[in-house]
């Protein structure tokens, strides 16, 4: 499976519930820990995490963590 086709049914930015499914049904607690520890990079908007799909793919592929530029 290539990066281009991985999770193609998901939008470019997902939320925690999608992240949990994408990672095989992990617990909510583990999902929030991965985000809080910046194992998976995200942006917090209000009380919600917004997670770029590319960051999840890079986490799974074991590559250098995703870098997000916010301007």
PDB file of N, CA and C in Angstrom:
ATOM      1  N   UNK A   1       0.852  -1.183   0.000  1.00  0.00           N
ATOM      2  CA  UNK A   1       0.000   0.000   0.000  1.00  0.00           C
ATOM      3  C   UNK A   1       0.889   1.235   0.000  1.00  0.00           C
ATOM      4  N   UNK A   2       0.605   2.154  -0.881  1.00  0.00           N
ATOM      5  CA  UNK A   2       1.395   3.377  -0.943  1.00  0.00           C
ATOM      6  C   UNK A   2       0.788   4.441  -0.037  1.00  0.00           C
ATOM      7  N   UNK A   3       1.591   5.426   0.284  1.00  0.00           N
ATOM      8  CA  UNK A   3       1.110   6.533   1.109  1.00  0.00           C
ATOM      9  C   UNK A   3      -0.048   7.259   0.444  1.00  0.00           C
ATOM     10  N   UNK A   4      -0.012   7.332  -0.871  1.00  0.00           N
ATOM     11  CA  UNK A   4      -1.042   8.065  -1.608  1.00  0.00           C
ATOM     12  C   UNK A   4      -2.418   7.421  -1.464  1.00  0.00           C
ATOM     13  N   UNK A   5      -2.474   6.105  -1.302  1.00  0.00           N
ATOM     14  CA  UNK A   5      -3.767   5.429  -1.207  1.00  0.00           C
ATOM     15  C   UNK A   5      -4.144   5.052   0.217  1.00  0.00           C
ATOM     16  N   UNK A   6      -3.234   5.230   1.146  1.00  0.00           N
ATOM     17  CA  UNK A   6      -3.521   4.880   2.532  1.00  0.00           C
ATOM     18  C   UNK A   6      -4.591   5.833   3.089  1.00  0.00           C
ATOM     19  N   UNK A   7      -5.648   5.293   3.620  1.00  0.00           N
ATOM     20  CA  UNK A   7      -6.731   6.068   4.234  1.00  0.00           C
ATOM     21  C   UNK A   7      -7.384   7.040   3.252  1.00  0.00           C
ATOM     22  N   UNK A   8      -7.497   6.648   1.990  1.00  0.00           N
ATOM     23  CA  UNK A   8      -8.038   7.575   1.002  1.00  0.00           C
ATOM     24  C   UNK A   8      -9.499   7.943   1.251  1.00  0.00           C
ATOM     25  N   UNK A   9     -10.230   7.129   2.020  1.00  0.00           N
ATOM     26  CA  UNK A   9     -11.636   7.465   2.281  1.00  0.00           C
ATOM     27  C   UNK A   9     -11.795   8.536   3.361  1.00  0.00           C
ATOM     28  N   UNK A  10     -10.707   8.885   4.035  1.00  0.00           N
ATOM     29  CA  UNK A  10     -10.755   9.897   5.087  1.00  0.00           C
ATOM     30  C   UNK A  10     -10.400  11.272   4.529  1.00  0.00           C
ATOM     31  N   UNK A  11     -10.944  12.342   5.147  1.00  0.00           N
ATOM     32  CA  UNK A  11     -10.556  13.693   4.713  1.00  0.00           C
ATOM     33  C   UNK A  11      -9.101  13.980   5.083  1.00  0.00           C
ATOM     34  N   UNK A  12      -8.558  15.069   4.587  1.00  0.00           N
ATOM     35  CA  UNK A  12      -7.159  15.427   4.844  1.00  0.00           C
ATOM     36  C   UNK A  12      -6.889  15.741   6.314  1.00  0.00           C
ATOM     37  N   UNK A  13      -7.914  16.181   7.031  1.00  0.00           N
ATOM     38  CA  UNK A  13      -7.785  16.480   8.460  1.00  0.00           C
ATOM     39  C   UNK A  13      -8.884  15.715   9.184  1.00  0.00           C
ATOM     40  N   UNK A  14      -8.490  14.940  10.202  1.00  0.00           N
ATOM     41  CA  UNK A  14      -9.455  14.116  10.928  1.00  0.00           C
ATOM     42  C   UNK A  14      -9.490  14.508  12.403  1.00  0.00           C
ATOM     43  N   UNK A  15     -10.440  13.940  13.110  1.00  0.00           N
ATOM     44  CA  UNK A  15     -10.570  14.168  14.548  1.00  0.00           C
ATOM     45  C   UNK A  15     -10.226  12.886  15.296  1.00  0.00           C
ATOM     46  N   UNK A  16     -10.297  12.930  16.606  1.00  0.00           N
ATOM     47  CA  UNK A  16      -9.830  11.828  17.451  1.00  0.00           C
ATOM     48  C   UNK A  16     -10.565  10.523  17.156  1.00  0.00           C
ATOM     49  N   UNK A  17     -11.864  10.566  16.952  1.00  0.00           N
ATOM     50  CA  UNK A  17     -12.597   9.317  16.691  1.00  0.00           C
ATOM     51  C   UNK A  17     -12.117   8.642  15.409  1.00  0.00           C
ATOM     52  N   UNK A  18     -11.828   9.434  14.368  1.00  0.00           N
ATOM     53  CA  UNK A  18     -11.276   8.866  13.142  1.00  0.00           C
ATOM     54  C   UNK A  18      -9.882   8.300  13.398  1.00  0.00           C
ATOM     55  N   UNK A  19      -9.067   9.033  14.140  1.00  0.00           N
ATOM     56  CA  UNK A  19      -7.712   8.563  14.478  1.00  0.00           C
ATOM     57  C   UNK A  19      -7.775   7.201  15.152  1.00  0.00           C
ATOM     58  N   UNK A  20      -8.690   7.036  16.078  1.00  0.00           N
ATOM     59  CA  UNK A  20      -8.824   5.767  16.800  1.00  0.00           C
ATOM     60  C   UNK A  20      -9.115   4.619  15.837  1.00  0.00           C
ATOM     61  N   UNK A  21     -10.006   4.839  14.896  1.00  0.00           N
ATOM     62  CA  UNK A  21     -10.347   3.809  13.912  1.00  0.00           C
ATOM     63  C   UNK A  21      -9.151   3.537  13.000  1.00  0.00           C
ATOM     64  N   UNK A  22      -8.500   4.599  12.545  1.00  0.00           N
ATOM     65  CA  UNK A  22      -7.363   4.461  11.636  1.00  0.00           C
ATOM     66  C   UNK A  22      -6.219   3.671  12.265  1.00  0.00           C
ATOM     67  N   UNK A  23      -6.099   3.741  13.581  1.00  0.00           N
ATOM     68  CA  UNK A  23      -5.042   3.010  14.278  1.00  0.00           C
ATOM     69  C   UNK A  23      -5.538   1.676  14.835  1.00  0.00           C
ATOM     70  N   UNK A  24      -6.593   1.168  14.269  1.00  0.00           N
ATOM     71  CA  UNK A  24      -7.051  -0.176  14.605  1.00  0.00           C
ATOM     72  C   UNK A  24      -7.949  -0.287  15.821  1.00  0.00           C
ATOM     73  N   UNK A  25      -8.594   0.811  16.189  1.00  0.00           N
ATOM     74  CA  UNK A  25      -9.532   0.762  17.308  1.00  0.00           C
ATOM     75  C   UNK A  25      -8.876   0.973  18.665  1.00  0.00           C
ATOM     76  N   UNK A  26      -7.855   1.839  18.701  1.00  0.00           N
ATOM     77  CA  UNK A  26      -7.182   2.106  19.978  1.00  0.00           C
ATOM     78  C   UNK A  26      -8.130   2.830  20.924  1.00  0.00           C
ATOM     79  N   UNK A  27      -7.801   2.819  22.198  1.00  0.00           N
ATOM     80  CA  UNK A  27      -8.644   3.474  23.200  1.00  0.00           C
ATOM     81  C   UNK A  27      -8.569   4.985  23.067  1.00  0.00           C
ATOM     82  N   UNK A  28      -9.588   5.645  23.580  1.00  0.00           N
ATOM     83  CA  UNK A  28      -9.612   7.098  23.571  1.00  0.00           C
ATOM     84  C   UNK A  28      -8.441   7.642  24.391  1.00  0.00           C
ATOM     85  N   UNK A  29      -8.154   6.982  25.513  1.00  0.00           N
ATOM     86  CA  UNK A  29      -7.055   7.403  26.381  1.00  0.00           C
ATOM     87  C   UNK A  29      -5.715   7.347  25.640  1.00  0.00           C
ATOM     88  N   UNK A  30      -5.459   6.272  24.917  1.00  0.00           N
ATOM     89  CA  UNK A  30      -4.214   6.150  24.167  1.00  0.00           C
ATOM     90  C   UNK A  30      -4.142   7.187  23.050  1.00  0.00           C
ATOM     91  N   UNK A  31      -5.249   7.418  22.366  1.00  0.00           N
ATOM     92  CA  UNK A  31      -5.272   8.414  21.291  1.00  0.00           C
ATOM     93  C   UNK A  31      -4.895   9.792  21.829  1.00  0.00           C
ATOM     94  N   UNK A  32      -5.496  10.186  22.938  1.00  0.00           N
ATOM     95  CA  UNK A  32      -5.184  11.492  23.516  1.00  0.00           C
ATOM     96  C   UNK A  32      -3.750  11.555  24.037  1.00  0.00           C
ATOM     97  N   UNK A  33      -3.233  10.439  24.523  1.00  0.00           N
ATOM     98  CA  UNK A  33      -1.839  10.416  24.980  1.00  0.00           C
ATOM     99  C   UNK A  33      -0.872  10.600  23.802  1.00  0.00           C
ATOM    100  N   UNK A  34      -1.137   9.920  22.684  1.00  0.00           N
ATOM    101  CA  UNK A  34      -0.294  10.079  21.494  1.00  0.00           C
ATOM    102  C   UNK A  34      -0.287  11.531  21.009  1.00  0.00           C
ATOM    103  N   UNK A  35      -1.433  12.181  21.097  1.00  0.00           N
ATOM    104  CA  UNK A  35      -1.520  13.575  20.671  1.00  0.00           C
ATOM    105  C   UNK A  35      -0.854  14.512  21.673  1.00  0.00           C
ATOM    106  N   UNK A  36      -1.097  14.298  22.959  1.00  0.00           N
ATOM    107  CA  UNK A  36      -0.513  15.160  23.989  1.00  0.00           C
ATOM    108  C   UNK A  36       1.010  15.052  24.015  1.00  0.00           C
ATOM    109  N   UNK A  37       1.522  13.848  23.789  1.00  0.00           N
ATOM    110  CA  UNK A  37       2.980  13.632  23.779  1.00  0.00           C
ATOM    111  C   UNK A  37       3.604  13.998  22.432  1.00  0.00           C
ATOM    112  N   UNK A  38       2.790  14.453  21.498  1.00  0.00           N
ATOM    113  CA  UNK A  38       3.204  14.823  20.147  1.00  0.00           C
ATOM    114  C   UNK A  38       3.862  13.672  19.386  1.00  0.00           C
ATOM    115  N   UNK A  39       3.460  12.460  19.724  1.00  0.00           N
ATOM    116  CA  UNK A  39       3.879  11.305  18.921  1.00  0.00           C
ATOM    117  C   UNK A  39       3.240  11.423  17.541  1.00  0.00           C
ATOM    118  N   UNK A  40       2.013  11.917  17.534  1.00  0.00           N
ATOM    119  CA  UNK A  40       1.319  12.251  16.293  1.00  0.00           C
ATOM    120  C   UNK A  40       1.024  13.743  16.373  1.00  0.00           C
ATOM    121  N   UNK A  41       1.534  14.488  15.422  1.00  0.00           N
ATOM    122  CA  UNK A  41       1.367  15.942  15.446  1.00  0.00           C
ATOM    123  C   UNK A  41      -0.072  16.318  15.117  1.00  0.00           C
ATOM    124  N   UNK A  42      -0.524  17.383  15.760  1.00  0.00           N
ATOM    125  CA  UNK A  42      -1.889  17.841  15.567  1.00  0.00           C
ATOM    126  C   UNK A  42      -1.963  19.327  15.901  1.00  0.00           C
ATOM    127  N   UNK A  43      -3.130  19.886  15.644  1.00  0.00           N
ATOM    128  CA  UNK A  43      -3.406  21.267  16.000  1.00  0.00           C
ATOM    129  C   UNK A  43      -4.634  21.242  16.890  1.00  0.00           C
ATOM    130  N   UNK A  44      -4.570  21.972  17.995  1.00  0.00           N
ATOM    131  CA  UNK A  44      -5.722  22.029  18.887  1.00  0.00           C
ATOM    132  C   UNK A  44      -6.510  23.291  18.565  1.00  0.00           C
ATOM    133  N   UNK A  45      -7.770  23.103  18.242  1.00  0.00           N
ATOM    134  CA  UNK A  45      -8.675  24.207  17.938  1.00  0.00           C
ATOM    135  C   UNK A  45      -9.759  24.191  19.001  1.00  0.00           C
ATOM    136  N   UNK A  46      -9.698  25.156  19.894  1.00  0.00           N
ATOM    137  CA  UNK A  46     -10.610  25.131  21.035  1.00  0.00           C
ATOM    138  C   UNK A  46     -10.293  23.914  21.883  1.00  0.00           C
ATOM    139  N   UNK A  47     -11.262  23.061  22.073  1.00  0.00           N
ATOM    140  CA  UNK A  47     -11.051  21.839  22.847  1.00  0.00           C
ATOM    141  C   UNK A  47     -10.861  20.611  21.969  1.00  0.00           C
ATOM    142  N   UNK A  48     -10.864  20.799  20.656  1.00  0.00           N
ATOM    143  CA  UNK A  48     -10.767  19.678  19.719  1.00  0.00           C
ATOM    144  C   UNK A  48      -9.398  19.593  19.072  1.00  0.00           C
ATOM    145  N   UNK A  49      -8.956  18.367  18.853  1.00  0.00           N
ATOM    146  CA  UNK A  49      -7.732  18.133  18.092  1.00  0.00           C
ATOM    147  C   UNK A  49      -8.081  17.963  16.624  1.00  0.00           C
ATOM    148  N   UNK A  50      -7.301  18.600  15.766  1.00  0.00           N
ATOM    149  CA  UNK A  50      -7.400  18.418  14.320  1.00  0.00           C
ATOM    150  C   UNK A  50      -6.089  17.769  13.892  1.00  0.00           C
ATOM    151  N   UNK A  51      -6.191  16.599  13.259  1.00  0.00           N
ATOM    152  CA  UNK A  51      -5.013  15.796  12.958  1.00  0.00           C
ATOM    153  C   UNK A  51      -4.876  15.634  11.449  1.00  0.00           C
ATOM    154  N   UNK A  52      -3.814  16.198  10.868  1.00  0.00           N
ATOM    155  CA  UNK A  52      -3.594  15.982   9.436  1.00  0.00           C
ATOM    156  C   UNK A  52      -3.362  14.492   9.147  1.00  0.00           C
ATOM    157  N   UNK A  53      -4.054  13.990   8.158  1.00  0.00           N
ATOM    158  CA  UNK A  53      -3.942  12.574   7.792  1.00  0.00           C
ATOM    159  C   UNK A  53      -2.496  12.188   7.499  1.00  0.00           C
ATOM    160  N   UNK A  54      -1.743  13.076   6.885  1.00  0.00           N
ATOM    161  CA  UNK A  54      -0.352  12.782   6.559  1.00  0.00           C
ATOM    162  C   UNK A  54       0.472  12.503   7.825  1.00  0.00           C
ATOM    163  N   UNK A  55       0.128  13.143   8.935  1.00  0.00           N
ATOM    164  CA  UNK A  55       0.858  12.910  10.187  1.00  0.00           C
ATOM    165  C   UNK A  55       0.592  11.506  10.729  1.00  0.00           C
ATOM    166  N   UNK A  56      -0.612  11.020  10.544  1.00  0.00           N
ATOM    167  CA  UNK A  56      -0.947   9.660  10.978  1.00  0.00           C
ATOM    168  C   UNK A  56      -0.199   8.648  10.113  1.00  0.00           C
ATOM    169  N   UNK A  57      -0.172   8.891   8.822  1.00  0.00           N
ATOM    170  CA  UNK A  57       0.535   7.991   7.913  1.00  0.00           C
ATOM    171  C   UNK A  57       2.020   7.955   8.241  1.00  0.00           C
ATOM    172  N   UNK A  58       2.611   9.113   8.472  1.00  0.00           N
ATOM    173  CA  UNK A  58       4.038   9.148   8.797  1.00  0.00           C
ATOM    174  C   UNK A  58       4.319   8.467  10.133  1.00  0.00           C
ATOM    175  N   UNK A  59       3.417   8.604  11.089  1.00  0.00           N
ATOM    176  CA  UNK A  59       3.569   7.897  12.370  1.00  0.00           C
ATOM    177  C   UNK A  59       3.568   6.387  12.133  1.00  0.00           C
ATOM    178  N   UNK A  60       2.635   5.919  11.340  1.00  0.00           N
ATOM    179  CA  UNK A  60       2.535   4.484  11.061  1.00  0.00           C
ATOM    180  C   UNK A  60       3.726   3.958  10.265  1.00  0.00           C
ATOM    181  N   UNK A  61       4.242   4.782   9.385  1.00  0.00           N
ATOM    182  CA  UNK A  61       5.360   4.369   8.543  1.00  0.00           C
ATOM    183  C   UNK A  61       6.691   4.450   9.293  1.00  0.00           C
ATOM    184  N   UNK A  62       6.684   5.031  10.489  1.00  0.00           N
ATOM    185  CA  UNK A  62       7.895   5.122  11.283  1.00  0.00           C
ATOM    186  C   UNK A  62       8.868   6.167  10.786  1.00  0.00           C
ATOM    187  N   UNK A  63       8.371   7.145  10.052  1.00  0.00           N
ATOM    188  CA  UNK A  63       9.223   8.200   9.533  1.00  0.00           C
ATOM    189  C   UNK A  63       9.314   9.335  10.547  1.00  0.00           C
ATOM    190  N   UNK A  64      10.170  10.300  10.252  1.00  0.00           N
ATOM    191  CA  UNK A  64      10.298  11.471  11.111  1.00  0.00           C
ATOM    192  C   UNK A  64       8.927  12.109  11.290  1.00  0.00           C
ATOM    193  N   UNK A  65       8.671  12.589  12.504  1.00  0.00           N
ATOM    194  CA  UNK A  65       7.367  13.168  12.793  1.00  0.00           C
ATOM    195  C   UNK A  65       7.022  14.289  11.828  1.00  0.00           C
ATOM    196  N   UNK A  66       5.750  14.401  11.559  1.00  0.00           N
ATOM    197  CA  UNK A  66       5.228  15.431  10.661  1.00  0.00           C
ATOM    198  C   UNK A  66       5.558  16.815  11.207  1.00  0.00           C
ATOM    199  N   UNK A  67       5.903  17.712  10.346  1.00  0.00           N
ATOM    200  CA  UNK A  67       6.182  19.094  10.735  1.00  0.00           C
ATOM    201  C   UNK A  67       5.063  19.970  10.195  1.00  0.00           C
ATOM    202  N   UNK A  68       4.450  20.731  11.056  1.00  0.00           N
ATOM    203  CA  UNK A  68       3.350  21.595  10.665  1.00  0.00           C
ATOM    204  C   UNK A  68       3.799  23.044  10.816  1.00  0.00           C
ATOM    205  N   UNK A  69       3.656  23.815   9.763  1.00  0.00           N
ATOM    206  CA  UNK A  69       3.941  25.242   9.830  1.00  0.00           C
ATOM    207  C   UNK A  69       2.622  25.970   9.950  1.00  0.00           C
ATOM    208  N   UNK A  70       2.485  26.735  10.987  1.00  0.00           N
ATOM    209  CA  UNK A  70       1.286  27.547  11.164  1.00  0.00           C
ATOM    210  C   UNK A  70       1.701  28.997  10.987  1.00  0.00           C
ATOM    211  N   UNK A  71       1.097  29.646  10.052  1.00  0.00           N
ATOM    212  CA  UNK A  71       1.444  31.052   9.766  1.00  0.00           C
ATOM    213  C   UNK A  71       0.321  31.956  10.134  1.00  0.00           C
TER     214      UNK A  71
END
